[in-house]
PDB file of N, CA and C in Angstrom:
ATOM      1  N   MET A   1      42.556  92.163  82.669  1.00  0.00           N
ATOM      2  CA  MET A   1      44.232  92.582  83.031  1.00  0.00           C
ATOM      3  C   MET A   1      44.607  91.825  83.991  1.00  0.00           C
ATOM      4  N   LYS A   2      45.804  92.671  84.769  1.00  0.00           N
ATOM      5  CA  LYS A   2      46.533  91.942  85.902  1.00  0.00           C
ATOM      6  C   LYS A   2      47.025  93.348  86.208  1.00  0.00           C
ATOM      7  N   THR A   3      45.963  93.147  87.245  1.00  0.00           N
ATOM      8  CA  THR A   3      47.682  94.899  87.868  1.00  0.00           C
ATOM      9  C   THR A   3      48.213  94.499  88.590  1.00  0.00           C
ATOM     10  N   LEU A   4      49.899  95.461  88.221  1.00  0.00           N
ATOM     11  CA  LEU A   4      50.814  95.407  89.522  1.00  0.00           C
ATOM     12  C   LEU A   4      51.557  96.424  89.769  1.00  0.00           C
ATOM     13  N   ILE A   5      51.916  95.882  91.207  1.00  0.00           N
ATOM     14  CA  ILE A   5      52.407  96.743  92.050  1.00  0.00           C
ATOM     15  C   ILE A   5      53.959  97.398  92.080  1.00  0.00           C
ATOM     16  N   CYS A   6      53.717  98.932  91.068  1.00  0.00           N
ATOM     17  CA  CYS A   6      55.427  99.625  91.158  1.00  0.00           C
ATOM     18  C   CYS A   6      55.451  98.920  92.423  1.00  0.00           C
ATOM     19  N   GLN A   7      57.517  98.947  91.329  1.00  0.00           N
ATOM     20  CA  GLN A   7      58.649  98.195  92.810  1.00  0.00           C
ATOM     21  C   GLN A   7      59.554  99.458  92.992  1.00  0.00           C
ATOM     22  N   SER A   8      58.893 100.988  92.816  1.00  0.00           N
ATOM     23  CA  SER A   8      59.052 101.575  93.292  1.00  0.00           C
ATOM     24  C   SER A   8      58.313 102.946  93.898  1.00  0.00           C
ATOM     25  N   CYS A   9      57.190 102.998  93.543  1.00  0.00           N
ATOM     26  CA  CYS A   9      56.171 104.563  94.313  1.00  0.00           C
ATOM     27  C   CYS A   9      55.377 103.532  95.359  1.00  0.00           C
ATOM     28  N   GLY A  10      54.844 102.329  94.395  1.00  0.00           N
ATOM     29  CA  GLY A  10      54.464 101.102  95.304  1.00  0.00           C
ATOM     30  C   GLY A  10      52.871 101.577  94.949  1.00  0.00           C
ATOM     31  N   TRP A  11      52.210 102.057  93.490  1.00  0.00           N
ATOM     32  CA  TRP A  11      51.024 102.482  93.411  1.00  0.00           C
ATOM     33  C   TRP A  11      50.665 101.172  91.846  1.00  0.00           C
ATOM     34  N   PRO A  12      49.442 101.454  92.183  1.00  0.00           N
ATOM     35  CA  PRO A  12      49.604  99.867  91.433  1.00  0.00           C
ATOM     36  C   PRO A  12      49.475 100.959  89.724  1.00  0.00           C
ATOM     37  N   PHE A  13      49.895  99.758  88.890  1.00  0.00           N
ATOM     38  CA  PHE A  13      50.145 100.224  87.219  1.00  0.00           C
ATOM     39  C   PHE A  13      49.412  99.282  87.000  1.00  0.00           C
ATOM     40  N   THR A  14      48.878  99.297  85.589  1.00  0.00           N
ATOM     41  CA  THR A  14      48.386  98.297  84.548  1.00  0.00           C
ATOM     42  C   THR A  14      49.378  97.897  83.110  1.00  0.00           C
ATOM     43  N   LYS A  15      48.995  97.328  81.697  1.00  0.00           N
ATOM     44  CA  LYS A  15      50.016  96.210  81.561  1.00  0.00           C
ATOM     45  C   LYS A  15      50.414  97.485  80.502  1.00  0.00           C
ATOM     46  N   ALA A  16      49.057  98.405  80.142  1.00  0.00           N
ATOM     47  CA  ALA A  16      49.435  99.811  80.367  1.00  0.00           C
ATOM     48  C   ALA A  16      50.022 101.463  80.293  1.00  0.00           C
ATOM     49  N   THR A  17      50.616 101.278  81.475  1.00  0.00           N
ATOM     50  CA  THR A  17      51.639 102.220  82.487  1.00  0.00           C
ATOM     51  C   THR A  17      52.284 101.864  82.576  1.00  0.00           C
ATOM     52  N   VAL A  18      52.781 100.395  82.270  1.00  0.00           N
ATOM     53  CA  VAL A  18      54.192  99.683  82.548  1.00  0.00           C
ATOM     54  C   VAL A  18      55.347 100.684  82.307  1.00  0.00           C
ATOM     55  N   GLY A  19      56.596 100.964  82.768  1.00  0.00           N
ATOM     56  CA  GLY A  19      58.251 100.783  82.199  1.00  0.00           C
ATOM     57  C   GLY A  19      58.337 100.237  81.519  1.00  0.00           C
ATOM     58  N   THR A  20      59.572 101.060  81.030  1.00  0.00           N
ATOM     59  CA  THR A  20      59.974 100.337  79.789  1.00  0.00           C
ATOM     60  C   THR A  20      61.194  99.625  80.015  1.00  0.00           C
ATOM     61  N   ASN A  21      62.272  98.658  79.947  1.00  0.00           N
ATOM     62  CA  ASN A  21      63.609  98.790  79.329  1.00  0.00           C
ATOM     63  C   ASN A  21      64.378  99.748  77.993  1.00  0.00           C
ATOM     64  N   ARG A  22      65.339  99.447  78.343  1.00  0.00           N
ATOM     65  CA  ARG A  22      66.601 100.187  77.579  1.00  0.00           C
ATOM     66  C   ARG A  22      65.954  99.302  75.544  1.00  0.00           C
ATOM     67  N   ASP A  23      65.858  98.395  75.500  1.00  0.00           N
ATOM     68  CA  ASP A  23      65.235  98.183  74.414  1.00  0.00           C
ATOM     69  C   ASP A  23      63.179  98.410  74.191  1.00  0.00           C
ATOM     70  N   LYS A  24      62.737  98.860  74.411  1.00  0.00           N
ATOM     71  CA  LYS A  24      61.567  99.537  74.378  1.00  0.00           C
ATOM     72  C   LYS A  24      61.020  98.320  75.286  1.00  0.00           C
ATOM     73  N   SER A  25      61.172  97.270  75.512  1.00  0.00           N
ATOM     74  CA  SER A  25      60.404  96.176  76.024  1.00  0.00           C
ATOM     75  C   SER A  25      59.545  96.385  77.310  1.00  0.00           C
ATOM     76  N   ASP A  26      58.323  96.272  77.379  1.00  0.00           N
ATOM     77  CA  ASP A  26      58.366  96.466  78.963  1.00  0.00           C
ATOM     78  C   ASP A  26      58.566  95.912  80.357  1.00  0.00           C
ATOM     79  N   ASN A  27      58.648  96.884  81.234  1.00  0.00           N
ATOM     80  CA  ASN A  27      59.550  95.888  82.451  1.00  0.00           C
ATOM     81  C   ASN A  27      58.289  96.002  83.655  1.00  0.00           C
ATOM     82  N   THR A  28      57.613  94.543  83.981  1.00  0.00           N
ATOM     83  CA  THR A  28      55.991  94.529  84.457  1.00  0.00           C
ATOM     84  C   THR A  28      56.931  95.084  86.073  1.00  0.00           C
ATOM     85  N   ASP A  29      58.467  95.410  86.379  1.00  0.00           N
ATOM     86  CA  ASP A  29      57.797  95.380  87.710  1.00  0.00           C
ATOM     87  C   ASP A  29      58.037  96.965  88.036  1.00  0.00           C
ATOM     88  N   PHE A  30      58.133  97.844  87.789  1.00  0.00           N
ATOM     89  CA  PHE A  30      58.219  99.275  87.484  1.00  0.00           C
ATOM     90  C   PHE A  30      57.302  99.886  86.638  1.00  0.00           C
ATOM     91  N   CYS A  31      56.617 101.281  86.820  1.00  0.00           N
ATOM     92  CA  CYS A  31      55.408 102.419  86.233  1.00  0.00           C
ATOM     93  C   CYS A  31      56.315 102.550  85.328  1.00  0.00           C
ATOM     94  N   ARG A  32      55.620 103.556  84.365  1.00  0.00           N
ATOM     95  CA  ARG A  32      56.205 104.607  83.275  1.00  0.00           C
ATOM     96  C   ARG A  32      56.527 105.647  84.226  1.00  0.00           C
ATOM     97  N   ASP A  33      55.581 105.811  84.520  1.00  0.00           N
ATOM     98  CA  ASP A  33      56.608 107.497  85.989  1.00  0.00           C
ATOM     99  C   ASP A  33      57.656 107.416  86.819  1.00  0.00           C
ATOM    100  N   CYS A  34      58.323 106.382  86.848  1.00  0.00           N
ATOM    101  CA  CYS A  34      59.413 105.883  87.811  1.00  0.00           C
ATOM    102  C   CYS A  34      60.455 105.008  87.158  1.00  0.00           C
ATOM    103  N   TYR A  35      59.979 104.184  85.728  1.00  0.00           N
ATOM    104  CA  TYR A  35      61.002 103.747  84.766  1.00  0.00           C
ATOM    105  C   TYR A  35      60.866 103.669  83.376  1.00  0.00           C
ATOM    106  N   GLN A  36      61.874 104.266  83.445  1.00  0.00           N
ATOM    107  CA  GLN A  36      61.536 104.932  80.947  1.00  0.00           C
ATOM    108  C   GLN A  36      62.599 104.390  80.502  1.00  0.00           C
ATOM    109  N   ASP A  37      63.059 103.600  79.799  1.00  0.00           N
ATOM    110  CA  ASP A  37      64.776 103.106  78.958  1.00  0.00           C
ATOM    111  C   ASP A  37      65.485 103.065  79.048  1.00  0.00           C
ATOM    112  N   GLY A  38      64.912 101.999  80.414  1.00  0.00           N
ATOM    113  CA  GLY A  38      66.140 100.902  81.610  1.00  0.00           C
ATOM    114  C   GLY A  38      66.677 102.034  83.030  1.00  0.00           C
ATOM    115  N   ALA A  39      66.060 102.923  83.018  1.00  0.00           N
ATOM    116  CA  ALA A  39      66.462 103.964  83.879  1.00  0.00           C
ATOM    117  C   ALA A  39      65.377 104.761  84.643  1.00  0.00           C
ATOM    118  N   PHE A  40      65.689 105.047  85.937  1.00  0.00           N
ATOM    119  CA  PHE A  40      64.576 105.558  86.774  1.00  0.00           C
ATOM    120  C   PHE A  40      64.442 107.012  86.544  1.00  0.00           C
ATOM    121  N   THR A  41      63.334 107.929  86.448  1.00  0.00           N
ATOM    122  CA  THR A  41      62.859 108.595  85.647  1.00  0.00           C
ATOM    123  C   THR A  41      63.408 109.603  86.805  1.00  0.00           C
ATOM    124  N   ASP A  42      63.458 109.398  88.340  1.00  0.00           N
ATOM    125  CA  ASP A  42      64.143 110.638  89.733  1.00  0.00           C
ATOM    126  C   ASP A  42      65.203 109.784  89.810  1.00  0.00           C
ATOM    127  N   LYS A  43      66.270 109.386  89.746  1.00  0.00           N
ATOM    128  CA  LYS A  43      67.616 109.242  90.023  1.00  0.00           C
ATOM    129  C   LYS A  43      67.944 109.740  91.144  1.00  0.00           C
ATOM    130  N   SER A  44      68.083 110.581  91.886  1.00  0.00           N
ATOM    131  CA  SER A  44      68.733 111.092  92.553  1.00  0.00           C
ATOM    132  C   SER A  44      66.809 110.838  93.956  1.00  0.00           C
ATOM    133  N   LEU A  45      65.967 110.527  93.847  1.00  0.00           N
ATOM    134  CA  LEU A  45      65.025 110.618  94.523  1.00  0.00           C
ATOM    135  C   LEU A  45      65.624 109.151  95.326  1.00  0.00           C
ATOM    136  N   ASN A  46      65.299 109.381  96.746  1.00  0.00           N
ATOM    137  CA  ASN A  46      65.418 108.353  98.101  1.00  0.00           C
ATOM    138  C   ASN A  46      63.516 108.511  98.376  1.00  0.00           C
ATOM    139  N   LEU A  47      64.223 107.325  99.583  1.00  0.00           N
ATOM    140  CA  LEU A  47      63.270 106.891 100.369  1.00  0.00           C
ATOM    141  C   LEU A  47      62.464 107.634 100.740  1.00  0.00           C
ATOM    142  N   HIS A  48      63.152 108.716 101.296  1.00  0.00           N
ATOM    143  CA  HIS A  48      61.957 109.893 102.479  1.00  0.00           C
ATOM    144  C   HIS A  48      61.667 110.723 101.759  1.00  0.00           C
ATOM    145  N   GLN A  49      62.713 111.113 100.654  1.00  0.00           N
ATOM    146  CA  GLN A  49      61.453 111.611  99.332  1.00  0.00           C
ATOM    147  C   GLN A  49      60.632 111.590  98.856  1.00  0.00           C
ATOM    148  N   LEU A  50      60.118 110.064  98.868  1.00  0.00           N
ATOM    149  CA  LEU A  50      59.115 109.575  98.200  1.00  0.00           C
ATOM    150  C   LEU A  50      58.315 109.782  99.011  1.00  0.00           C
ATOM    151  N   GLU A  51      58.663 109.765 100.527  1.00  0.00           N
ATOM    152  CA  GLU A  51      57.598 109.516 101.293  1.00  0.00           C
ATOM    153  C   GLU A  51      57.154 110.925 101.441  1.00  0.00           C
ATOM    154  N   VAL A  52      57.485 111.931 101.549  1.00  0.00           N
ATOM    155  CA  VAL A  52      56.998 113.357 101.182  1.00  0.00           C
ATOM    156  C   VAL A  52      56.356 113.130 100.149  1.00  0.00           C
ATOM    157  N   LYS A  53      56.697 112.774  99.059  1.00  0.00           N
ATOM    158  CA  LYS A  53      55.506 112.878  98.035  1.00  0.00           C
ATOM    159  C   LYS A  53      54.726 112.220  98.141  1.00  0.00           C
ATOM    160  N   LEU A  54      54.478 111.818  98.720  1.00  0.00           N
ATOM    161  CA  LEU A  54      53.291 110.790  98.321  1.00  0.00           C
ATOM    162  C   LEU A  54      52.353 111.142  99.898  1.00  0.00           C
ATOM    163  N   LEU A  55      52.760 112.106 100.803  1.00  0.00           N
ATOM    164  CA  LEU A  55      52.068 112.829 101.650  1.00  0.00           C
ATOM    165  C   LEU A  55      51.545 114.050 101.115  1.00  0.00           C
ATOM    166  N   GLU A  56      52.699 114.086 100.274  1.00  0.00           N
ATOM    167  CA  GLU A  56      52.458 115.516  99.540  1.00  0.00           C
ATOM    168  C   GLU A  56      50.527 115.513  99.182  1.00  0.00           C
ATOM    169  N   MET A  57      50.621 114.512  97.938  1.00  0.00           N
ATOM    170  CA  MET A  57      50.049 114.106  97.156  1.00  0.00           C
ATOM    171  C   MET A  57      48.767 114.121  97.739  1.00  0.00           C
ATOM    172  N   ALA A  58      48.765 113.218  98.259  1.00  0.00           N
ATOM    173  CA  ALA A  58      47.338 112.626 100.097  1.00  0.00           C
ATOM    174  C   ALA A  58      46.614 113.979 100.179  1.00  0.00           C
ATOM    175  N   GLU A  59      47.488 115.104 100.425  1.00  0.00           N
ATOM    176  CA  GLU A  59      47.089 116.076 100.389  1.00  0.00           C
ATOM    177  C   GLU A  59      46.409 117.283  99.610  1.00  0.00           C
ATOM    178  N   MET A  60      46.580 116.776  98.129  1.00  0.00           N
ATOM    179  CA  MET A  60      46.207 117.686  97.242  1.00  0.00           C
ATOM    180  C   MET A  60      45.405 117.570  96.015  1.00  0.00           C
ATOM    181  N   HIS A  61      45.095 115.384  96.526  1.00  0.00           N
ATOM    182  CA  HIS A  61      43.895 114.992  95.330  1.00  0.00           C
ATOM    183  C   HIS A  61      43.282 114.479  96.356  1.00  0.00           C
ATOM    184  N   GLU A  62      42.053 114.150  96.358  1.00  0.00           N
ATOM    185  CA  GLU A  62      40.836 112.950  96.535  1.00  0.00           C
ATOM    186  C   GLU A  62      41.124 111.604  96.330  1.00  0.00           C
ATOM    187  N   ASP A  63      42.097 111.482  95.270  1.00  0.00           N
ATOM    188  CA  ASP A  63      42.000 110.258  94.855  1.00  0.00           C
ATOM    189  C   ASP A  63      43.346 109.290  95.358  1.00  0.00           C
ATOM    190  N   ILE A  64      43.488 109.839  96.313  1.00  0.00           N
ATOM    191  CA  ILE A  64      44.351 108.895  97.753  1.00  0.00           C
ATOM    192  C   ILE A  64      44.267 109.547  98.832  1.00  0.00           C
ATOM    193  N   SER A  65      44.175 109.163 100.445  1.00  0.00           N
ATOM    194  CA  SER A  65      44.152 109.487 101.211  1.00  0.00           C
ATOM    195  C   SER A  65      44.946 109.531 102.510  1.00  0.00           C
ATOM    196  N   LEU A  66      45.157 110.935 103.414  1.00  0.00           N
ATOM    197  CA  LEU A  66      46.303 110.501 104.478  1.00  0.00           C
ATOM    198  C   LEU A  66      46.555 109.281 104.704  1.00  0.00           C
ATOM    199  N   GLU A  67      45.166 108.062 104.721  1.00  0.00           N
ATOM    200  CA  GLU A  67      45.191 106.877 105.581  1.00  0.00           C
ATOM    201  C   GLU A  67      46.167 106.231 104.604  1.00  0.00           C
ATOM    202  N   GLU A  68      45.274 106.211 103.298  1.00  0.00           N
ATOM    203  CA  GLU A  68      46.202 105.537 102.056  1.00  0.00           C
ATOM    204  C   GLU A  68      47.839 105.731 101.660  1.00  0.00           C
ATOM    205  N   ALA A  69      47.919 107.018 101.513  1.00  0.00           N
ATOM    206  CA  ALA A  69      49.315 107.071 101.750  1.00  0.00           C
ATOM    207  C   ALA A  69      50.206 106.324 103.014  1.00  0.00           C
ATOM    208  N   GLN A  70      50.114 106.735 104.213  1.00  0.00           N
ATOM    209  CA  GLN A  70      50.230 106.045 104.899  1.00  0.00           C
ATOM    210  C   GLN A  70      51.194 104.850 105.449  1.00  0.00           C
ATOM    211  N   GLN A  71      49.969 103.774 104.820  1.00  0.00           N
ATOM    212  CA  GLN A  71      49.905 102.423 104.756  1.00  0.00           C
ATOM    213  C   GLN A  71      50.707 102.098 103.151  1.00  0.00           C
ATOM    214  N   LEU A  72      50.706 102.826 102.573  1.00  0.00           N
ATOM    215  CA  LEU A  72      51.328 102.386 101.390  1.00  0.00           C
ATOM    216  C   LEU A  72      53.397 103.008 101.551  1.00  0.00           C
ATOM    217  N   ILE A  73      53.623 104.035 102.175  1.00  0.00           N
ATOM    218  CA  ILE A  73      54.870 104.821 102.990  1.00  0.00           C
ATOM    219  C   ILE A  73      55.083 103.020 103.547  1.00  0.00           C
ATOM    220  N   LYS A  74      54.482 102.740 104.657  1.00  0.00           N
ATOM    221  CA  LYS A  74      54.970 101.383 105.530  1.00  0.00           C
ATOM    222  C   LYS A  74      55.481 100.385 104.560  1.00  0.00           C
ATOM    223  N   LYS A  75      55.150 100.187 103.766  1.00  0.00           N
ATOM    224  CA  LYS A  75      55.448  98.890 102.214  1.00  0.00           C
ATOM    225  C   LYS A  75      56.145  99.031 101.698  1.00  0.00           C
ATOM    226  N   LEU A  76      56.985 101.026 101.534  1.00  0.00           N
ATOM    227  CA  LEU A  76      57.520 101.016 100.727  1.00  0.00           C
ATOM    228  C   LEU A  76      59.188 100.381 100.758  1.00  0.00           C
ATOM    229  N   PRO A  77      59.165 100.104 101.556  1.00  0.00           N
ATOM    230  CA  PRO A  77      61.119  99.607 102.417  1.00  0.00           C
ATOM    231  C   PRO A  77      60.818  98.095 101.840  1.00  0.00           C
ATOM    232  N   GLU A  78      59.493  97.240 101.298  1.00  0.00           N
ATOM    233  CA  GLU A  78      59.405  96.140 100.932  1.00  0.00           C
ATOM    234  C   GLU A  78      59.387  95.804  99.423  1.00  0.00           C
ATOM    235  N   LEU A  79      59.479  96.978  98.663  1.00  0.00           N
ATOM    236  CA  LEU A  79      59.732  97.179  97.225  1.00  0.00           C
ATOM    237  C   LEU A  79      60.903  97.108  96.460  1.00  0.00           C
ATOM    238  N   LYS A  80      61.381  96.769  96.088  1.00  0.00           N
ATOM    239  CA  LYS A  80      62.919  95.916  94.873  1.00  0.00           C
ATOM    240  C   LYS A  80      63.570  97.307  94.686  1.00  0.00           C
ATOM    241  N   ARG A  81      63.103  98.187  94.852  1.00  0.00           N
ATOM    242  CA  ARG A  81      63.803  99.616  94.482  1.00  0.00           C
ATOM    243  C   ARG A  81      64.545 100.117  95.923  1.00  0.00           C
ATOM    244  N   TRP A  82      64.009 100.105  96.899  1.00  0.00           N
ATOM    245  CA  TRP A  82      64.178 100.059  98.181  1.00  0.00           C
ATOM    246  C   TRP A  82      65.179  98.844  99.508  1.00  0.00           C
ATOM    247  N   ARG A  83      64.663  98.194  99.118  1.00  0.00           N
ATOM    248  CA  ARG A  83      65.518  96.549  99.869  1.00  0.00           C
ATOM    249  C   ARG A  83      66.358  96.795  99.371  1.00  0.00           C
ATOM    250  N   MET A  84      67.074  96.588 100.833  1.00  0.00           N
ATOM    251  CA  MET A  84      68.291  96.299 101.162  1.00  0.00           C
ATOM    252  C   MET A  84      69.668  95.822 101.369  1.00  0.00           C
ATOM    253  N   ASP A  85      68.400  94.031 100.659  1.00  0.00           N
ATOM    254  CA  ASP A  85      69.079  93.536 100.917  1.00  0.00           C
ATOM    255  C   ASP A  85      70.122  93.356  99.857  1.00  0.00           C
ATOM    256  N   HIS A  86      70.106  93.779  98.575  1.00  0.00           N
ATOM    257  CA  HIS A  86      70.844  94.577  97.641  1.00  0.00           C
ATOM    258  C   HIS A  86      72.805  94.330  97.916  1.00  0.00           C
ATOM    259  N   ILE A  87      73.050  94.818  98.568  1.00  0.00           N
ATOM    260  CA  ILE A  87      74.349  95.829  99.297  1.00  0.00           C
ATOM    261  C   ILE A  87      74.668  95.033 100.080  1.00  0.00           C
TER     262      ILE A  87
END
């Protein structure tokens, strides 16, 4: 099974944790934690808030290190949700 990268949070996900469109079809750009029923689950989330959230997760959970969180943060501006090329 192909591992996908969420174009909002940057976390890897699989077909089992894929986001959904309004018509309940799979949206392979986003994980279900970020995108459900055709909308972002946290519409007010901005890039800085996501960065803080990732750093907090690294402090609280053993499954992500501070280094991994920092590497992920560097890649966030390249993801579809955060790119500025649509402006």
